[in-house]
Amino acid sequence: MPEPGTRVSVRPTEWQSSPGIEGQTTHDIVIVSVHESHDPRFAWVYGHGPDCSWPSADCAVPFCWELLVSVDVLAATAAGQRP
């Protein structure tokens, strides 16, 4: 799995907002942590949007995003096979 601080780009159908609810847009997420889910095809990803790291951002929460992300996408990201 990708390490904290890794940036992952997820496309529609590669993520879910909750079990069974497919994502409809592309998102870039800076990973805070990755956790198992009940569906072995997906893992819970906690993270921030890239804009949280801008100097003008004042993001004080532990994470801004909580998404189910395809484990295939996460594995490919960790292996350096995805931008």
PDB file of N, CA and C in Angstrom:
ATOM      1  N   MET A   1       0.835  -1.188   0.000  1.00  0.00           N
ATOM      2  CA  MET A   1       0.000   0.000   0.000  1.00  0.00           C
ATOM      3  C   MET A   1       0.883   1.256   0.000  1.00  0.00           C
ATOM      4  N   PRO A   2       0.381   2.331  -0.570  1.00  0.00           N
ATOM      5  CA  PRO A   2       1.164   3.574  -0.588  1.00  0.00           C
ATOM      6  C   PRO A   2       1.405   4.107   0.820  1.00  0.00           C
ATOM      7  N   GLU A   3       2.535   4.745   0.983  1.00  0.00           N
ATOM      8  CA  GLU A   3       2.918   5.346   2.263  1.00  0.00           C
ATOM      9  C   GLU A   3       2.178   6.669   2.480  1.00  0.00           C
ATOM     10  N   PRO A   4       2.031   7.094   3.729  1.00  0.00           N
ATOM     11  CA  PRO A   4       1.473   8.427   3.986  1.00  0.00           C
ATOM     12  C   PRO A   4       2.279   9.484   3.226  1.00  0.00           C
ATOM     13  N   GLY A   5       1.574  10.442   2.674  1.00  0.00           N
ATOM     14  CA  GLY A   5       2.202  11.492   1.888  1.00  0.00           C
ATOM     15  C   GLY A   5       2.212  11.214   0.395  1.00  0.00           C
ATOM     16  N   THR A   6       1.896   9.968   0.011  1.00  0.00           N
ATOM     17  CA  THR A   6       1.830   9.609  -1.403  1.00  0.00           C
ATOM     18  C   THR A   6       0.599  10.242  -2.031  1.00  0.00           C
ATOM     19  N   ARG A   7       0.765  10.745  -3.231  1.00  0.00           N
ATOM     20  CA  ARG A   7      -0.368  11.319  -3.964  1.00  0.00           C
ATOM     21  C   ARG A   7      -0.920  10.254  -4.902  1.00  0.00           C
ATOM     22  N   VAL A   8      -2.220  10.024  -4.827  1.00  0.00           N
ATOM     23  CA  VAL A   8      -2.882   9.053  -5.694  1.00  0.00           C
ATOM     24  C   VAL A   8      -3.995   9.768  -6.450  1.00  0.00           C
ATOM     25  N   SER A   9      -4.110   9.448  -7.729  1.00  0.00           N
ATOM     26  CA  SER A   9      -5.181  10.002  -8.548  1.00  0.00           C
ATOM     27  C   SER A   9      -6.186   8.889  -8.813  1.00  0.00           C
ATOM     28  N   VAL A  10      -7.427   9.120  -8.435  1.00  0.00           N
ATOM     29  CA  VAL A  10      -8.474   8.121  -8.643  1.00  0.00           C
ATOM     30  C   VAL A  10      -9.486   8.649  -9.656  1.00  0.00           C
ATOM     31  N   ARG A  11      -9.829   7.794 -10.590  1.00  0.00           N
ATOM     32  CA  ARG A  11     -10.770   8.140 -11.653  1.00  0.00           C
ATOM     33  C   ARG A  11     -12.153   7.588 -11.300  1.00  0.00           C
ATOM     34  N   PRO A  12     -13.186   8.042 -12.029  1.00  0.00           N
ATOM     35  CA  PRO A  12     -14.520   7.479 -11.784  1.00  0.00           C
ATOM     36  C   PRO A  12     -14.468   5.951 -11.854  1.00  0.00           C
ATOM     37  N   THR A  13     -15.235   5.302 -11.041  1.00  0.00           N
ATOM     38  CA  THR A  13     -15.341   3.845 -10.870  1.00  0.00           C
ATOM     39  C   THR A  13     -14.170   3.231 -10.126  1.00  0.00           C
ATOM     40  N   GLU A  14     -13.102   3.988  -9.828  1.00  0.00           N
ATOM     41  CA  GLU A  14     -11.980   3.455  -9.059  1.00  0.00           C
ATOM     42  C   GLU A  14     -12.132   3.739  -7.574  1.00  0.00           C
ATOM     43  N   TRP A  15     -13.175   4.465  -7.211  1.00  0.00           N
ATOM     44  CA  TRP A  15     -13.403   4.806  -5.808  1.00  0.00           C
ATOM     45  C   TRP A  15     -14.897   4.835  -5.518  1.00  0.00           C
ATOM     46  N   GLN A  16     -15.218   4.759  -4.238  1.00  0.00           N
ATOM     47  CA  GLN A  16     -16.602   4.830  -3.774  1.00  0.00           C
ATOM     48  C   GLN A  16     -16.659   5.776  -2.581  1.00  0.00           C
ATOM     49  N   SER A  17     -17.736   6.550  -2.508  1.00  0.00           N
ATOM     50  CA  SER A  17     -17.908   7.436  -1.352  1.00  0.00           C
ATOM     51  C   SER A  17     -18.391   6.652  -0.141  1.00  0.00           C
ATOM     52  N   SER A  18     -19.114   5.595  -0.391  1.00  0.00           N
ATOM     53  CA  SER A  18     -19.543   4.630   0.620  1.00  0.00           C
ATOM     54  C   SER A  18     -19.776   3.327  -0.125  1.00  0.00           C
ATOM     55  N   PRO A  19     -19.871   2.201   0.580  1.00  0.00           N
ATOM     56  CA  PRO A  19     -19.992   0.921  -0.113  1.00  0.00           C
ATOM     57  C   PRO A  19     -21.137   0.925  -1.143  1.00  0.00           C
ATOM     58  N   GLY A  20     -20.771   0.590  -2.382  1.00  0.00           N
ATOM     59  CA  GLY A  20     -21.749   0.487  -3.455  1.00  0.00           C
ATOM     60  C   GLY A  20     -22.069   1.777  -4.181  1.00  0.00           C
ATOM     61  N   ILE A  21     -21.529   2.918  -3.739  1.00  0.00           N
ATOM     62  CA  ILE A  21     -21.787   4.216  -4.369  1.00  0.00           C
ATOM     63  C   ILE A  21     -20.531   4.639  -5.128  1.00  0.00           C
ATOM     64  N   GLU A  22     -20.499   4.352  -6.447  1.00  0.00           N
ATOM     65  CA  GLU A  22     -19.315   4.644  -7.245  1.00  0.00           C
ATOM     66  C   GLU A  22     -19.069   6.131  -7.404  1.00  0.00           C
ATOM     67  N   GLY A  23     -17.792   6.492  -7.411  1.00  0.00           N
ATOM     68  CA  GLY A  23     -17.402   7.870  -7.650  1.00  0.00           C
ATOM     69  C   GLY A  23     -17.670   8.268  -9.090  1.00  0.00           C
ATOM     70  N   GLN A  24     -17.946   9.535  -9.295  1.00  0.00           N
ATOM     71  CA  GLN A  24     -18.298  10.039 -10.616  1.00  0.00           C
ATOM     72  C   GLN A  24     -17.266  11.017 -11.176  1.00  0.00           C
ATOM     73  N   THR A  25     -16.267  11.374 -10.388  1.00  0.00           N
ATOM     74  CA  THR A  25     -15.282  12.366 -10.802  1.00  0.00           C
ATOM     75  C   THR A  25     -13.876  11.854 -10.510  1.00  0.00           C
ATOM     76  N   THR A  26     -12.891  12.583 -11.007  1.00  0.00           N
ATOM     77  CA  THR A  26     -11.490  12.271 -10.728  1.00  0.00           C
ATOM     78  C   THR A  26     -11.035  13.108  -9.541  1.00  0.00           C
ATOM     79  N   HIS A  27     -10.280  12.491  -8.637  1.00  0.00           N
ATOM     80  CA  HIS A  27      -9.754  13.204  -7.470  1.00  0.00           C
ATOM     81  C   HIS A  27      -8.283  12.872  -7.281  1.00  0.00           C
ATOM     82  N   ASP A  28      -7.521  13.860  -6.862  1.00  0.00           N
ATOM     83  CA  ASP A  28      -6.149  13.651  -6.408  1.00  0.00           C
ATOM     84  C   ASP A  28      -6.178  13.728  -4.892  1.00  0.00           C
ATOM     85  N   ILE A  29      -5.599  12.730  -4.255  1.00  0.00           N
ATOM     86  CA  ILE A  29      -5.615  12.643  -2.799  1.00  0.00           C
ATOM     87  C   ILE A  29      -4.194  12.423  -2.303  1.00  0.00           C
ATOM     88  N   VAL A  30      -3.818  13.146  -1.268  1.00  0.00           N
ATOM     89  CA  VAL A  30      -2.553  12.916  -0.583  1.00  0.00           C
ATOM     90  C   VAL A  30      -2.891  12.020   0.613  1.00  0.00           C
ATOM     91  N   ILE A  31      -2.361  10.820   0.617  1.00  0.00           N
ATOM     92  CA  ILE A  31      -2.750   9.802   1.591  1.00  0.00           C
ATOM     93  C   ILE A  31      -2.238  10.126   2.986  1.00  0.00           C
ATOM     94  N   VAL A  32      -3.162  10.004   3.960  1.00  0.00           N
ATOM     95  CA  VAL A  32      -2.807  10.073   5.374  1.00  0.00           C
ATOM     96  C   VAL A  32      -2.657   8.648   5.907  1.00  0.00           C
ATOM     97  N   SER A  33      -3.644   7.782   5.581  1.00  0.00           N
ATOM     98  CA  SER A  33      -3.577   6.387   6.007  1.00  0.00           C
ATOM     99  C   SER A  33      -4.497   5.535   5.147  1.00  0.00           C
ATOM    100  N   VAL A  34      -4.237   4.229   5.144  1.00  0.00           N
ATOM    101  CA  VAL A  34      -5.025   3.254   4.387  1.00  0.00           C
ATOM    102  C   VAL A  34      -5.465   2.168   5.356  1.00  0.00           C
ATOM    103  N   HIS A  35      -6.750   1.776   5.246  1.00  0.00           N
ATOM    104  CA  HIS A  35      -7.322   0.784   6.167  1.00  0.00           C
ATOM    105  C   HIS A  35      -8.149  -0.236   5.390  1.00  0.00           C
ATOM    106  N   GLU A  36      -8.203  -1.452   5.902  1.00  0.00           N
ATOM    107  CA  GLU A  36      -9.005  -2.505   5.273  1.00  0.00           C
ATOM    108  C   GLU A  36     -10.485  -2.146   5.313  1.00  0.00           C
ATOM    109  N   SER A  37     -11.221  -2.710   4.353  1.00  0.00           N
ATOM    110  CA  SER A  37     -12.683  -2.579   4.355  1.00  0.00           C
ATOM    111  C   SER A  37     -13.283  -3.980   4.320  1.00  0.00           C
ATOM    112  N   HIS A  38     -14.596  -4.071   4.385  1.00  0.00           N
ATOM    113  CA  HIS A  38     -15.257  -5.370   4.322  1.00  0.00           C
ATOM    114  C   HIS A  38     -15.199  -5.969   2.918  1.00  0.00           C
ATOM    115  N   ASP A  39     -15.006  -5.129   1.916  1.00  0.00           N
ATOM    116  CA  ASP A  39     -14.903  -5.577   0.532  1.00  0.00           C
ATOM    117  C   ASP A  39     -13.413  -5.659   0.184  1.00  0.00           C
ATOM    118  N   PRO A  40     -12.891  -6.848  -0.100  1.00  0.00           N
ATOM    119  CA  PRO A  40     -11.459  -6.980  -0.352  1.00  0.00           C
ATOM    120  C   PRO A  40     -10.975  -6.249  -1.612  1.00  0.00           C
ATOM    121  N   ARG A  41     -11.889  -5.780  -2.464  1.00  0.00           N
ATOM    122  CA  ARG A  41     -11.502  -5.044  -3.674  1.00  0.00           C
ATOM    123  C   ARG A  41     -11.193  -3.582  -3.384  1.00  0.00           C
ATOM    124  N   PHE A  42     -11.588  -3.101  -2.185  1.00  0.00           N
ATOM    125  CA  PHE A  42     -11.426  -1.705  -1.831  1.00  0.00           C
ATOM    126  C   PHE A  42     -10.794  -1.564  -0.454  1.00  0.00           C
ATOM    127  N   ALA A  43     -10.112  -0.436  -0.246  1.00  0.00           N
ATOM    128  CA  ALA A  43      -9.565  -0.087   1.067  1.00  0.00           C
ATOM    129  C   ALA A  43     -10.007   1.334   1.387  1.00  0.00           C
ATOM    130  N   TRP A  44     -10.220   1.606   2.674  1.00  0.00           N
ATOM    131  CA  TRP A  44     -10.538   2.970   3.095  1.00  0.00           C
ATOM    132  C   TRP A  44      -9.275   3.809   3.041  1.00  0.00           C
ATOM    133  N   VAL A  45      -9.353   4.943   2.396  1.00  0.00           N
ATOM    134  CA  VAL A  45      -8.227   5.869   2.313  1.00  0.00           C
ATOM    135  C   VAL A  45      -8.642   7.167   2.990  1.00  0.00           C
ATOM    136  N   TYR A  46      -7.841   7.590   3.951  1.00  0.00           N
ATOM    137  CA  TYR A  46      -8.019   8.891   4.582  1.00  0.00           C
ATOM    138  C   TYR A  46      -6.944   9.788   4.000  1.00  0.00           C
ATOM    139  N   GLY A  47      -7.325  10.992   3.614  1.00  0.00           N
ATOM    140  CA  GLY A  47      -6.336  11.864   3.007  1.00  0.00           C
ATOM    141  C   GLY A  47      -6.789  13.303   2.893  1.00  0.00           C
ATOM    142  N   HIS A  48      -5.972  14.074   2.236  1.00  0.00           N
ATOM    143  CA  HIS A  48      -6.217  15.491   1.986  1.00  0.00           C
ATOM    144  C   HIS A  48      -6.186  15.728   0.489  1.00  0.00           C
ATOM    145  N   GLY A  49      -6.849  16.786   0.058  1.00  0.00           N
ATOM    146  CA  GLY A  49      -6.696  17.247  -1.301  1.00  0.00           C
ATOM    147  C   GLY A  49      -5.368  17.959  -1.421  1.00  0.00           C
ATOM    148  N   PRO A  50      -4.807  18.026  -2.622  1.00  0.00           N
ATOM    149  CA  PRO A  50      -3.517  18.719  -2.797  1.00  0.00           C
ATOM    150  C   PRO A  50      -3.568  20.176  -2.341  1.00  0.00           C
ATOM    151  N   ASP A  51      -4.738  20.811  -2.414  1.00  0.00           N
ATOM    152  CA  ASP A  51      -4.855  22.212  -2.014  1.00  0.00           C
ATOM    153  C   ASP A  51      -4.653  22.419  -0.518  1.00  0.00           C
ATOM    154  N   CYS A  52      -4.737  21.376   0.285  1.00  0.00           N
ATOM    155  CA  CYS A  52      -4.505  21.503   1.733  1.00  0.00           C
ATOM    156  C   CYS A  52      -3.046  21.822   2.046  1.00  0.00           C
ATOM    157  N   SER A  53      -2.148  21.570   1.090  1.00  0.00           N
ATOM    158  CA  SER A  53      -0.731  21.825   1.335  1.00  0.00           C
ATOM    159  C   SER A  53      -0.289  23.204   0.840  1.00  0.00           C
ATOM    160  N   TRP A  54      -1.201  23.960   0.249  1.00  0.00           N
ATOM    161  CA  TRP A  54      -0.842  25.315  -0.186  1.00  0.00           C
ATOM    162  C   TRP A  54      -0.506  26.166   1.027  1.00  0.00           C
ATOM    163  N   PRO A  55       0.423  27.103   0.877  1.00  0.00           N
ATOM    164  CA  PRO A  55       0.794  27.964   2.006  1.00  0.00           C
ATOM    165  C   PRO A  55      -0.401  28.739   2.586  1.00  0.00           C
ATOM    166  N   SER A  56      -1.386  29.056   1.748  1.00  0.00           N
ATOM    167  CA  SER A  56      -2.545  29.814   2.231  1.00  0.00           C
ATOM    168  C   SER A  56      -3.594  28.926   2.907  1.00  0.00           C
ATOM    169  N   ALA A  57      -3.433  27.601   2.805  1.00  0.00           N
ATOM    170  CA  ALA A  57      -4.404  26.681   3.408  1.00  0.00           C
ATOM    171  C   ALA A  57      -4.149  26.575   4.909  1.00  0.00           C
ATOM    172  N   ASP A  58      -5.209  26.439   5.653  1.00  0.00           N
ATOM    173  CA  ASP A  58      -5.098  26.271   7.097  1.00  0.00           C
ATOM    174  C   ASP A  58      -5.920  25.054   7.493  1.00  0.00           C
ATOM    175  N   CYS A  59      -5.524  23.891   6.985  1.00  0.00           N
ATOM    176  CA  CYS A  59      -6.266  22.655   7.228  1.00  0.00           C
ATOM    177  C   CYS A  59      -5.806  22.062   8.553  1.00  0.00           C
ATOM    178  N   ALA A  60      -6.668  22.103   9.535  1.00  0.00           N
ATOM    179  CA  ALA A  60      -6.311  21.640  10.874  1.00  0.00           C
ATOM    180  C   ALA A  60      -6.919  20.284  11.213  1.00  0.00           C
ATOM    181  N   VAL A  61      -7.658  19.684  10.274  1.00  0.00           N
ATOM    182  CA  VAL A  61      -8.292  18.401  10.554  1.00  0.00           C
ATOM    183  C   VAL A  61      -7.343  17.265  10.174  1.00  0.00           C
ATOM    184  N   PRO A  62      -7.498  16.100  10.799  1.00  0.00           N
ATOM    185  CA  PRO A  62      -6.596  14.983  10.495  1.00  0.00           C
ATOM    186  C   PRO A  62      -6.677  14.520   9.040  1.00  0.00           C
ATOM    187  N   PHE A  63      -7.869  14.575   8.441  1.00  0.00           N
ATOM    188  CA  PHE A  63      -8.038  14.239   7.032  1.00  0.00           C
ATOM    189  C   PHE A  63      -9.313  14.896   6.516  1.00  0.00           C
ATOM    190  N   CYS A  64      -9.310  15.196   5.213  1.00  0.00           N
ATOM    191  CA  CYS A  64     -10.459  15.853   4.568  1.00  0.00           C
ATOM    192  C   CYS A  64     -11.297  14.873   3.749  1.00  0.00           C
ATOM    193  N   TRP A  65     -10.664  13.798   3.305  1.00  0.00           N
ATOM    194  CA  TRP A  65     -11.326  12.809   2.457  1.00  0.00           C
ATOM    195  C   TRP A  65     -11.326  11.456   3.144  1.00  0.00           C
ATOM    196  N   GLU A  66     -12.423  10.747   3.009  1.00  0.00           N
ATOM    197  CA  GLU A  66     -12.542   9.356   3.454  1.00  0.00           C
ATOM    198  C   GLU A  66     -13.241   8.621   2.328  1.00  0.00           C
ATOM    199  N   LEU A  67     -12.469   7.858   1.557  1.00  0.00           N
ATOM    200  CA  LEU A  67     -12.993   7.190   0.377  1.00  0.00           C
ATOM    201  C   LEU A  67     -12.587   5.729   0.361  1.00  0.00           C
ATOM    202  N   LEU A  68     -13.416   4.910  -0.264  1.00  0.00           N
ATOM    203  CA  LEU A  68     -13.030   3.550  -0.590  1.00  0.00           C
ATOM    204  C   LEU A  68     -12.333   3.602  -1.940  1.00  0.00           C
ATOM    205  N   VAL A  69     -11.098   3.121  -1.996  1.00  0.00           N
ATOM    206  CA  VAL A  69     -10.317   3.165  -3.229  1.00  0.00           C
ATOM    207  C   VAL A  69      -9.938   1.741  -3.623  1.00  0.00           C
ATOM    208  N   SER A  70      -9.970   1.472  -4.911  1.00  0.00           N
ATOM    209  CA  SER A  70      -9.606   0.157  -5.434  1.00  0.00           C
ATOM    210  C   SER A  70      -8.204  -0.234  -4.954  1.00  0.00           C
ATOM    211  N   VAL A  71      -8.070  -1.449  -4.420  1.00  0.00           N
ATOM    212  CA  VAL A  71      -6.756  -1.902  -3.968  1.00  0.00           C
ATOM    213  C   VAL A  71      -5.808  -2.063  -5.152  1.00  0.00           C
ATOM    214  N   ASP A  72      -6.336  -2.335  -6.354  1.00  0.00           N
ATOM    215  CA  ASP A  72      -5.487  -2.420  -7.544  1.00  0.00           C
ATOM    216  C   ASP A  72      -4.846  -1.061  -7.836  1.00  0.00           C
ATOM    217  N   VAL A  73      -5.621   0.008  -7.696  1.00  0.00           N
ATOM    218  CA  VAL A  73      -5.100   1.365  -7.903  1.00  0.00           C
ATOM    219  C   VAL A  73      -4.041   1.679  -6.844  1.00  0.00           C
ATOM    220  N   LEU A  74      -4.323   1.337  -5.600  1.00  0.00           N
ATOM    221  CA  LEU A  74      -3.363   1.610  -4.525  1.00  0.00           C
ATOM    222  C   LEU A  74      -2.068   0.825  -4.719  1.00  0.00           C
ATOM    223  N   ALA A  75      -2.178  -0.446  -5.118  1.00  0.00           N
ATOM    224  CA  ALA A  75      -0.993  -1.272  -5.345  1.00  0.00           C
ATOM    225  C   ALA A  75      -0.178  -0.732  -6.505  1.00  0.00           C
ATOM    226  N   ALA A  76      -0.840  -0.339  -7.584  1.00  0.00           N
ATOM    227  CA  ALA A  76      -0.135   0.208  -8.745  1.00  0.00           C
ATOM    228  C   ALA A  76       0.556   1.529  -8.388  1.00  0.00           C
ATOM    229  N   THR A  77      -0.090   2.342  -7.585  1.00  0.00           N
ATOM    230  CA  THR A  77       0.508   3.607  -7.121  1.00  0.00           C
ATOM    231  C   THR A  77       1.748   3.324  -6.282  1.00  0.00           C
ATOM    232  N   ALA A  78       1.640   2.378  -5.346  1.00  0.00           N
ATOM    233  CA  ALA A  78       2.769   2.044  -4.475  1.00  0.00           C
ATOM    234  C   ALA A  78       3.948   1.482  -5.284  1.00  0.00           C
ATOM    235  N   ALA A  79       3.640   0.778  -6.386  1.00  0.00           N
ATOM    236  CA  ALA A  79       4.687   0.193  -7.228  1.00  0.00           C
ATOM    237  C   ALA A  79       5.258   1.182  -8.232  1.00  0.00           C
ATOM    238  N   GLY A  80       4.714   2.416  -8.235  1.00  0.00           N
ATOM    239  CA  GLY A  80       5.197   3.430  -9.167  1.00  0.00           C
ATOM    240  C   GLY A  80       4.675   3.249 -10.581  1.00  0.00           C
ATOM    241  N   GLN A  81       3.596   2.499 -10.733  1.00  0.00           N
ATOM    242  CA  GLN A  81       3.058   2.213 -12.063  1.00  0.00           C
ATOM    243  C   GLN A  81       1.924   3.162 -12.466  1.00  0.00           C
ATOM    244  N   ARG A  82       1.593   4.107 -11.593  1.00  0.00           N
ATOM    245  CA  ARG A  82       0.565   5.101 -11.886  1.00  0.00           C
ATOM    246  C   ARG A  82       1.089   6.460 -11.492  1.00  0.00           C
ATOM    247  N   PRO A  83       0.689   7.470 -12.258  1.00  0.00           N
ATOM    248  CA  PRO A  83       1.128   8.836 -11.892  1.00  0.00           C
ATOM    249  C   PRO A  83       0.436   9.320 -10.636  1.00  0.00           C
TER     250      PRO A  83
END
